[in-house]
């Protein structure tokens, strides 16, 4: 049982070192695959597809890997709801 604990502890330390090294030497890449002319209120993501509900009531379906806007519906939902939350 001590050997198992020692093995698990060694692996845990190895993983911690690997994560710390990746954190210090990270080379992130950021991009904006789709830009809209409205505020985004809600996003549903099923990579690479994203469905976005906008503040003006629009609904946009986009492929984030290609940056293509697959579908867009204006006034798909109300932009103002008159009920107290």
Protein backbone atom coordinates (compact mmCIF):
# COMPACT_ATOMS: atom_id res chain seq x y z
CA UNK A 1 0.00 0.00 0.00
CA UNK A 2 2.89 2.37 0.67
CA UNK A 3 4.28 1.66 -2.78
CA UNK A 4 0.93 2.56 -4.34
CA UNK A 5 0.78 5.80 -2.32
CA UNK A 6 4.35 6.69 -3.31
CA UNK A 7 3.59 5.96 -6.97
CA UNK A 8 0.46 8.13 -6.90
CA UNK A 9 2.29 10.93 -5.12
CA UNK A 10 5.15 10.82 -7.65
CA UNK A 11 2.68 10.97 -10.54
CA UNK A 12 0.84 13.86 -8.88
CA UNK A 13 4.08 15.82 -8.52
CA UNK A 14 5.00 15.09 -12.14
CA UNK A 15 1.63 16.39 -13.34
CA UNK A 16 1.99 19.53 -11.19
CA UNK A 17 5.41 20.23 -12.75
CA UNK A 18 4.07 19.69 -16.28
CA UNK A 19 1.14 22.04 -15.67
CA UNK A 20 3.39 24.71 -14.14
CA UNK A 21 5.74 24.49 -17.13
CA UNK A 22 2.89 24.74 -19.65
CA UNK A 23 1.46 27.70 -17.72
CA UNK A 24 4.77 29.61 -17.83
CA UNK A 25 5.52 28.80 -21.47
CA UNK A 26 2.02 29.02 -22.90
CA UNK A 27 1.57 30.29 -26.43
CA UNK A 28 -2.17 30.95 -26.63
CA UNK A 29 -3.86 31.79 -29.88
CA UNK A 30 -6.96 33.93 -29.82
CA UNK A 31 -9.29 34.74 -32.64
CA UNK A 32 -12.73 36.17 -33.29
CA UNK A 33 -14.34 33.75 -35.73
CA UNK A 34 -17.68 35.57 -35.89
CA UNK A 35 -18.41 39.25 -35.23
CA UNK A 36 -21.97 40.53 -34.81
CA UNK A 37 -23.36 44.06 -34.76
CA UNK A 38 -25.31 43.46 -31.57
CA UNK A 39 -24.80 42.45 -27.96
CA UNK A 40 -24.86 38.71 -27.39
CA UNK A 41 -27.14 37.72 -24.52
CA UNK A 42 -27.03 33.93 -24.64
CA UNK A 43 -24.76 31.35 -26.23
CA UNK A 44 -25.33 27.62 -26.67
CA UNK A 45 -22.19 25.80 -27.77
CA UNK A 46 -21.82 22.36 -29.32
CA UNK A 47 -18.35 22.68 -30.84
CA UNK A 48 -17.88 23.88 -33.51
CA UNK A 49 -21.48 25.17 -33.69
CA UNK A 50 -22.65 28.14 -31.64
CA UNK A 51 -26.17 29.49 -31.39
CA UNK A 52 -26.26 33.11 -30.18
CA UNK A 53 -29.28 35.10 -29.05
CA UNK A 54 -28.82 38.85 -29.46
CA UNK A 55 -30.14 41.84 -27.53
CA UNK A 56 -32.30 43.00 -30.46
CA UNK A 57 -34.02 39.62 -30.72
CA UNK A 58 -31.87 37.98 -33.37
CA UNK A 59 -30.69 34.39 -33.43
CA UNK A 60 -27.45 33.43 -35.15
CA UNK A 61 -26.05 29.97 -35.86
CA UNK A 62 -22.33 29.98 -36.61
CA UNK A 63 -19.59 27.47 -37.32
CA UNK A 64 -16.72 28.67 -35.14
CA UNK A 65 -14.08 26.51 -36.81
CA UNK A 66 -14.67 28.06 -40.23
CA UNK A 67 -16.10 31.42 -39.14
CA UNK A 68 -19.16 30.93 -41.36
CA UNK A 69 -22.53 32.27 -40.30
CA UNK A 70 -24.84 29.36 -41.17
CA UNK A 71 -28.18 30.96 -40.35
CA UNK A 72 -29.50 34.25 -39.05
CA UNK A 73 -33.05 35.11 -37.99
CA UNK A 74 -34.04 38.66 -37.07
CA UNK A 75 -36.77 39.05 -34.44
CA UNK A 76 -36.56 35.38 -33.45
CA UNK A 77 -37.33 36.27 -29.84
CA UNK A 78 -38.57 39.36 -28.01
CA UNK A 79 -35.89 41.89 -27.24
CA UNK A 80 -37.81 43.25 -24.25
CA UNK A 81 -39.78 41.19 -21.76
CA UNK A 82 -42.39 43.07 -19.71
CA UNK A 83 -42.39 40.77 -16.70
CA UNK A 84 -40.55 41.41 -13.44
CA UNK A 85 -37.77 38.96 -12.72
